[in-house]
Amino acid sequence: MTTPADEVDQLVRESVKWRETDDPDFPYEMNRDQVLWKIRINDFPDEPLYSLMRNGVQMADFDDWPPHWER
């Protein structure tokens, strides 16, 4: 069984092409297997720079953009 953490780890290692949005709080999104993934911009430096959202649920926080992801 795949856990949410496994799903995030796999996504971070994959080549992902994010689509730009018009939403300044969620500037990037992509759909994969009927799942809507979004990148949220947080209140940096008090919080991590980004949050990875899966269908509206926060899955992970990070400061450095994964090298295999394309904006």
PDB file of N, CA and C in Angstrom:
ATOM      1  N   MET A   1       0.841  -1.181   0.000  1.00  0.00           N
ATOM      2  CA  MET A   1       0.000   0.000   0.000  1.00  0.00           C
ATOM      3  C   MET A   1       0.890   1.250   0.000  1.00  0.00           C
ATOM      4  N   THR A   2       0.543   2.208  -0.841  1.00  0.00           N
ATOM      5  CA  THR A   2       1.295   3.454  -0.925  1.00  0.00           C
ATOM      6  C   THR A   2       0.769   4.441   0.112  1.00  0.00           C
ATOM      7  N   THR A   3       1.661   5.004   0.891  1.00  0.00           N
ATOM      8  CA  THR A   3       1.278   6.008   1.882  1.00  0.00           C
ATOM      9  C   THR A   3       1.377   7.390   1.249  1.00  0.00           C
ATOM     10  N   PRO A   4       0.768   8.404   1.851  1.00  0.00           N
ATOM     11  CA  PRO A   4       0.923   9.764   1.331  1.00  0.00           C
ATOM     12  C   PRO A   4       2.389  10.204   1.276  1.00  0.00           C
ATOM     13  N   ALA A   5       3.176   9.816   2.262  1.00  0.00           N
ATOM     14  CA  ALA A   5       4.601  10.180   2.255  1.00  0.00           C
ATOM     15  C   ALA A   5       5.316   9.532   1.076  1.00  0.00           C
ATOM     16  N   ASP A   6       4.967   8.274   0.772  1.00  0.00           N
ATOM     17  CA  ASP A   6       5.560   7.597  -0.393  1.00  0.00           C
ATOM     18  C   ASP A   6       5.190   8.320  -1.679  1.00  0.00           C
ATOM     19  N   GLU A   7       3.948   8.735  -1.766  1.00  0.00           N
ATOM     20  CA  GLU A   7       3.471   9.444  -2.953  1.00  0.00           C
ATOM     21  C   GLU A   7       4.234  10.751  -3.151  1.00  0.00           C
ATOM     22  N   VAL A   8       4.452  11.494  -2.084  1.00  0.00           N
ATOM     23  CA  VAL A   8       5.206  12.750  -2.156  1.00  0.00           C
ATOM     24  C   VAL A   8       6.656  12.466  -2.533  1.00  0.00           C
ATOM     25  N   ASP A   9       7.281  11.472  -1.903  1.00  0.00           N
ATOM     26  CA  ASP A   9       8.672  11.126  -2.222  1.00  0.00           C
ATOM     27  C   ASP A   9       8.827  10.768  -3.689  1.00  0.00           C
ATOM     28  N   GLN A  10       7.892  10.013  -4.217  1.00  0.00           N
ATOM     29  CA  GLN A  10       7.950   9.630  -5.632  1.00  0.00           C
ATOM     30  C   GLN A  10       7.796  10.860  -6.528  1.00  0.00           C
ATOM     31  N   LEU A  11       6.860  11.728  -6.204  1.00  0.00           N
ATOM     32  CA  LEU A  11       6.620  12.921  -7.010  1.00  0.00           C
ATOM     33  C   LEU A  11       7.852  13.828  -7.033  1.00  0.00           C
ATOM     34  N   VAL A  12       8.521  13.981  -5.908  1.00  0.00           N
ATOM     35  CA  VAL A  12       9.698  14.842  -5.813  1.00  0.00           C
ATOM     36  C   VAL A  12      10.837  14.327  -6.692  1.00  0.00           C
ATOM     37  N   ARG A  13      10.905  13.025  -6.886  1.00  0.00           N
ATOM     38  CA  ARG A  13      11.974  12.434  -7.700  1.00  0.00           C
ATOM     39  C   ARG A  13      11.655  12.397  -9.194  1.00  0.00           C
ATOM     40  N   GLU A  14      10.414  12.652  -9.572  1.00  0.00           N
ATOM     41  CA  GLU A  14      10.000  12.564 -10.965  1.00  0.00           C
ATOM     42  C   GLU A  14      10.143  13.899 -11.687  1.00  0.00           C
ATOM     43  N   SER A  15      10.185  13.819 -13.004  1.00  0.00           N
ATOM     44  CA  SER A  15      10.110  15.022 -13.835  1.00  0.00           C
ATOM     45  C   SER A  15       8.651  15.459 -13.868  1.00  0.00           C
ATOM     46  N   VAL A  16       8.414  16.667 -13.431  1.00  0.00           N
ATOM     47  CA  VAL A  16       7.051  17.198 -13.382  1.00  0.00           C
ATOM     48  C   VAL A  16       7.044  18.552 -14.068  1.00  0.00           C
ATOM     49  N   LYS A  17       6.098  18.738 -14.968  1.00  0.00           N
ATOM     50  CA  LYS A  17       5.925  20.042 -15.610  1.00  0.00           C
ATOM     51  C   LYS A  17       4.688  20.693 -14.991  1.00  0.00           C
ATOM     52  N   TRP A  18       4.940  21.752 -14.219  1.00  0.00           N
ATOM     53  CA  TRP A  18       3.866  22.474 -13.548  1.00  0.00           C
ATOM     54  C   TRP A  18       3.290  23.523 -14.495  1.00  0.00           C
ATOM     55  N   ARG A  19       2.002  23.751 -14.381  1.00  0.00           N
ATOM     56  CA  ARG A  19       1.290  24.754 -15.165  1.00  0.00           C
ATOM     57  C   ARG A  19       1.114  26.007 -14.304  1.00  0.00           C
ATOM     58  N   GLU A  20       1.415  27.161 -14.877  1.00  0.00           N
ATOM     59  CA  GLU A  20       1.212  28.419 -14.143  1.00  0.00           C
ATOM     60  C   GLU A  20      -0.273  28.733 -14.051  1.00  0.00           C
ATOM     61  N   THR A  21      -0.651  29.334 -12.918  1.00  0.00           N
ATOM     62  CA  THR A  21      -2.040  29.757 -12.714  1.00  0.00           C
ATOM     63  C   THR A  21      -2.061  31.278 -12.548  1.00  0.00           C
ATOM     64  N   ASP A  22      -3.248  31.824 -12.404  1.00  0.00           N
ATOM     65  CA  ASP A  22      -3.405  33.260 -12.133  1.00  0.00           C
ATOM     66  C   ASP A  22      -3.560  33.547 -10.644  1.00  0.00           C
ATOM     67  N   ASP A  23      -3.435  32.528  -9.815  1.00  0.00           N
ATOM     68  CA  ASP A  23      -3.608  32.651  -8.374  1.00  0.00           C
ATOM     69  C   ASP A  23      -2.249  32.871  -7.714  1.00  0.00           C
ATOM     70  N   PRO A  24      -2.007  34.048  -7.132  1.00  0.00           N
ATOM     71  CA  PRO A  24      -0.696  34.307  -6.523  1.00  0.00           C
ATOM     72  C   PRO A  24      -0.394  33.428  -5.301  1.00  0.00           C
ATOM     73  N   ASP A  25      -1.414  32.915  -4.630  1.00  0.00           N
ATOM     74  CA  ASP A  25      -1.193  32.033  -3.484  1.00  0.00           C
ATOM     75  C   ASP A  25      -0.879  30.599  -3.910  1.00  0.00           C
ATOM     76  N   PHE A  26      -1.395  30.195  -5.065  1.00  0.00           N
ATOM     77  CA  PHE A  26      -1.183  28.852  -5.630  1.00  0.00           C
ATOM     78  C   PHE A  26      -0.742  29.015  -7.087  1.00  0.00           C
ATOM     79  N   PRO A  27       0.498  29.429  -7.309  1.00  0.00           N
ATOM     80  CA  PRO A  27       0.915  29.806  -8.666  1.00  0.00           C
ATOM     81  C   PRO A  27       1.155  28.653  -9.636  1.00  0.00           C
ATOM     82  N   TYR A  28       1.209  27.403  -9.139  1.00  0.00           N
ATOM     83  CA  TYR A  28       1.474  26.254 -10.005  1.00  0.00           C
ATOM     84  C   TYR A  28       0.531  25.108  -9.651  1.00  0.00           C
ATOM     85  N   GLU A  29       0.136  24.352 -10.702  1.00  0.00           N
ATOM     86  CA  GLU A  29      -0.693  23.179 -10.495  1.00  0.00           C
ATOM     87  C   GLU A  29      -0.438  22.168 -11.600  1.00  0.00           C
ATOM     88  N   MET A  30      -0.858  20.942 -11.351  1.00  0.00           N
ATOM     89  CA  MET A  30      -0.821  19.892 -12.369  1.00  0.00           C
ATOM     90  C   MET A  30      -1.784  18.796 -11.962  1.00  0.00           C
ATOM     91  N   ASN A  31      -2.305  18.112 -12.964  1.00  0.00           N
ATOM     92  CA  ASN A  31      -3.204  16.986 -12.750  1.00  0.00           C
ATOM     93  C   ASN A  31      -2.479  15.707 -13.117  1.00  0.00           C
ATOM     94  N   ARG A  32      -2.630  14.696 -12.271  1.00  0.00           N
ATOM     95  CA  ARG A  32      -2.058  13.383 -12.558  1.00  0.00           C
ATOM     96  C   ARG A  32      -2.971  12.334 -11.930  1.00  0.00           C
ATOM     97  N   ASP A  33      -3.439  11.406 -12.754  1.00  0.00           N
ATOM     98  CA  ASP A  33      -4.291  10.310 -12.281  1.00  0.00           C
ATOM     99  C   ASP A  33      -5.482  10.825 -11.473  1.00  0.00           C
ATOM    100  N   GLN A  34      -6.150  11.850 -11.995  1.00  0.00           N
ATOM    101  CA  GLN A  34      -7.327  12.459 -11.369  1.00  0.00           C
ATOM    102  C   GLN A  34      -7.040  13.080 -10.011  1.00  0.00           C
ATOM    103  N   VAL A  35      -5.791  13.452  -9.795  1.00  0.00           N
ATOM    104  CA  VAL A  35      -5.389  14.144  -8.564  1.00  0.00           C
ATOM    105  C   VAL A  35      -4.896  15.526  -8.948  1.00  0.00           C
ATOM    106  N   LEU A  36      -5.420  16.554  -8.292  1.00  0.00           N
ATOM    107  CA  LEU A  36      -4.976  17.926  -8.530  1.00  0.00           C
ATOM    108  C   LEU A  36      -3.907  18.279  -7.507  1.00  0.00           C
ATOM    109  N   TRP A  37      -2.701  18.481  -7.995  1.00  0.00           N
ATOM    110  CA  TRP A  37      -1.576  18.909  -7.169  1.00  0.00           C
ATOM    111  C   TRP A  37      -1.387  20.402  -7.355  1.00  0.00           C
ATOM    112  N   LYS A  38      -1.138  21.123  -6.271  1.00  0.00           N
ATOM    113  CA  LYS A  38      -0.875  22.562  -6.339  1.00  0.00           C
ATOM    114  C   LYS A  38       0.332  22.892  -5.460  1.00  0.00           C
ATOM    115  N   ILE A  39       0.981  23.976  -5.828  1.00  0.00           N
ATOM    116  CA  ILE A  39       2.061  24.540  -5.019  1.00  0.00           C
ATOM    117  C   ILE A  39       1.529  25.829  -4.391  1.00  0.00           C
ATOM    118  N   ARG A  40       1.614  25.894  -3.073  1.00  0.00           N
ATOM    119  CA  ARG A  40       1.200  27.096  -2.359  1.00  0.00           C
ATOM    120  C   ARG A  40       2.439  27.862  -1.927  1.00  0.00           C
ATOM    121  N   ILE A  41       2.381  29.181  -2.063  1.00  0.00           N
ATOM    122  CA  ILE A  41       3.432  30.067  -1.550  1.00  0.00           C
ATOM    123  C   ILE A  41       3.051  30.446  -0.123  1.00  0.00           C
ATOM    124  N   ASN A  42       3.987  30.247   0.802  1.00  0.00           N
ATOM    125  CA  ASN A  42       3.728  30.522   2.215  1.00  0.00           C
ATOM    126  C   ASN A  42       4.352  31.848   2.648  1.00  0.00           C
ATOM    127  N   ASP A  43       4.218  32.157   3.927  1.00  0.00           N
ATOM    128  CA  ASP A  43       4.735  33.397   4.512  1.00  0.00           C
ATOM    129  C   ASP A  43       6.199  33.192   4.913  1.00  0.00           C
ATOM    130  N   PHE A  44       7.048  33.140   3.908  1.00  0.00           N
ATOM    131  CA  PHE A  44       8.484  32.952   4.103  1.00  0.00           C
ATOM    132  C   PHE A  44       9.094  34.238   4.639  1.00  0.00           C
ATOM    133  N   PRO A  45       9.988  34.259   5.594  1.00  0.00           N
ATOM    134  CA  PRO A  45      10.760  33.177   6.187  1.00  0.00           C
ATOM    135  C   PRO A  45      10.161  32.577   7.462  1.00  0.00           C
ATOM    136  N   ASP A  46       8.995  33.063   7.878  1.00  0.00           N
ATOM    137  CA  ASP A  46       8.384  32.499   9.093  1.00  0.00           C
ATOM    138  C   ASP A  46       7.883  31.073   8.884  1.00  0.00           C
ATOM    139  N   GLU A  47       7.602  30.729   7.634  1.00  0.00           N
ATOM    140  CA  GLU A  47       7.137  29.392   7.259  1.00  0.00           C
ATOM    141  C   GLU A  47       8.006  28.900   6.111  1.00  0.00           C
ATOM    142  N   PRO A  48       7.932  27.614   5.805  1.00  0.00           N
ATOM    143  CA  PRO A  48       8.641  27.141   4.605  1.00  0.00           C
ATOM    144  C   PRO A  48       8.139  27.903   3.374  1.00  0.00           C
ATOM    145  N   LEU A  49       8.980  28.051   2.378  1.00  0.00           N
ATOM    146  CA  LEU A  49       8.622  28.832   1.193  1.00  0.00           C
ATOM    147  C   LEU A  49       7.420  28.252   0.455  1.00  0.00           C
ATOM    148  N   TYR A  50       7.393  26.909   0.281  1.00  0.00           N
ATOM    149  CA  TYR A  50       6.333  26.263  -0.490  1.00  0.00           C
ATOM    150  C   TYR A  50       5.642  25.178   0.320  1.00  0.00           C
ATOM    151  N   SER A  51       4.392  24.918  -0.057  1.00  0.00           N
ATOM    152  CA  SER A  51       3.679  23.728   0.413  1.00  0.00           C
ATOM    153  C   SER A  51       3.158  22.995  -0.814  1.00  0.00           C
ATOM    154  N   LEU A  52       3.233  21.681  -0.769  1.00  0.00           N
ATOM    155  CA  LEU A  52       2.703  20.826  -1.816  1.00  0.00           C
ATOM    156  C   LEU A  52       1.318  20.364  -1.365  1.00  0.00           C
ATOM    157  N   MET A  53       0.319  20.653  -2.184  1.00  0.00           N
ATOM    158  CA  MET A  53      -1.062  20.349  -1.853  1.00  0.00           C
ATOM    159  C   MET A  53      -1.588  19.257  -2.788  1.00  0.00           C
ATOM    160  N   ARG A  54      -2.319  18.310  -2.242  1.00  0.00           N
ATOM    161  CA  ARG A  54      -2.948  17.239  -3.029  1.00  0.00           C
ATOM    162  C   ARG A  54      -4.446  17.303  -2.794  1.00  0.00           C
ATOM    163  N   ASN A  55      -5.188  17.675  -3.849  1.00  0.00           N
ATOM    164  CA  ASN A  55      -6.650  17.820  -3.741  1.00  0.00           C
ATOM    165  C   ASN A  55      -7.032  18.664  -2.519  1.00  0.00           C
ATOM    166  N   GLY A  56      -6.304  19.752  -2.303  1.00  0.00           N
ATOM    167  CA  GLY A  56      -6.616  20.688  -1.235  1.00  0.00           C
ATOM    168  C   GLY A  56      -6.051  20.347   0.130  1.00  0.00           C
ATOM    169  N   VAL A  57      -5.330  19.243   0.238  1.00  0.00           N
ATOM    170  CA  VAL A  57      -4.748  18.832   1.521  1.00  0.00           C
ATOM    171  C   VAL A  57      -3.240  19.033   1.468  1.00  0.00           C
ATOM    172  N   GLN A  58      -2.704  19.701   2.481  1.00  0.00           N
ATOM    173  CA  GLN A  58      -1.260  19.940   2.556  1.00  0.00           C
ATOM    174  C   GLN A  58      -0.538  18.616   2.795  1.00  0.00           C
ATOM    175  N   MET A  59       0.405  18.303   1.880  1.00  0.00           N
ATOM    176  CA  MET A  59       1.118  17.031   1.962  1.00  0.00           C
ATOM    177  C   MET A  59       2.563  17.190   2.424  1.00  0.00           C
ATOM    178  N   ALA A  60       3.194  18.325   2.079  1.00  0.00           N
ATOM    179  CA  ALA A  60       4.608  18.520   2.416  1.00  0.00           C
ATOM    180  C   ALA A  60       4.953  19.993   2.302  1.00  0.00           C
ATOM    181  N   ASP A  61       6.003  20.388   3.001  1.00  0.00           N
ATOM    182  CA  ASP A  61       6.567  21.741   2.925  1.00  0.00           C
ATOM    183  C   ASP A  61       8.000  21.630   2.442  1.00  0.00           C
ATOM    184  N   PHE A  62       8.459  22.640   1.711  1.00  0.00           N
ATOM    185  CA  PHE A  62       9.843  22.653   1.251  1.00  0.00           C
ATOM    186  C   PHE A  62      10.266  24.074   0.912  1.00  0.00           C
ATOM    187  N   ASP A  63      11.580  24.304   0.932  1.00  0.00           N
ATOM    188  CA  ASP A  63      12.148  25.601   0.578  1.00  0.00           C
ATOM    189  C   ASP A  63      12.831  25.572  -0.779  1.00  0.00           C
ATOM    190  N   ASP A  64      13.410  24.434  -1.145  1.00  0.00           N
ATOM    191  CA  ASP A  64      14.150  24.321  -2.406  1.00  0.00           C
ATOM    192  C   ASP A  64      13.312  23.588  -3.436  1.00  0.00           C
ATOM    193  N   TRP A  65      13.205  24.198  -4.619  1.00  0.00           N
ATOM    194  CA  TRP A  65      12.439  23.605  -5.710  1.00  0.00           C
ATOM    195  C   TRP A  65      13.151  22.333  -6.181  1.00  0.00           C
ATOM    196  N   PRO A  66      12.451  21.198  -6.260  1.00  0.00           N
ATOM    197  CA  PRO A  66      13.076  19.958  -6.712  1.00  0.00           C
ATOM    198  C   PRO A  66      13.691  20.106  -8.102  1.00  0.00           C
ATOM    199  N   PRO A  67      14.869  19.560  -8.319  1.00  0.00           N
ATOM    200  CA  PRO A  67      15.579  19.777  -9.571  1.00  0.00           C
ATOM    201  C   PRO A  67      14.899  19.206 -10.807  1.00  0.00           C
ATOM    202  N   HIS A  68      14.029  18.205 -10.640  1.00  0.00           N
ATOM    203  CA  HIS A  68      13.360  17.589 -11.790  1.00  0.00           C
ATOM    204  C   HIS A  68      12.031  18.266 -12.130  1.00  0.00           C
ATOM    205  N   TRP A  69      11.664  19.267 -11.386  1.00  0.00           N
ATOM    206  CA  TRP A  69      10.395  19.957 -11.632  1.00  0.00           C
ATOM    207  C   TRP A  69      10.630  21.163 -12.522  1.00  0.00           C
ATOM    208  N   GLU A  70       9.733  21.341 -13.481  1.00  0.00           N
ATOM    209  CA  GLU A  70       9.813  22.461 -14.419  1.00  0.00           C
ATOM    210  C   GLU A  70       8.677  23.439 -14.146  1.00  0.00           C
ATOM    211  N   ARG A  71       9.056  24.710 -13.998  1.00  0.00           N
ATOM    212  CA  ARG A  71       8.026  25.748 -13.786  1.00  0.00           C
ATOM    213  C   ARG A  71       7.699  26.396 -15.094  1.00  0.00           C
TER     214      ARG A  71
END
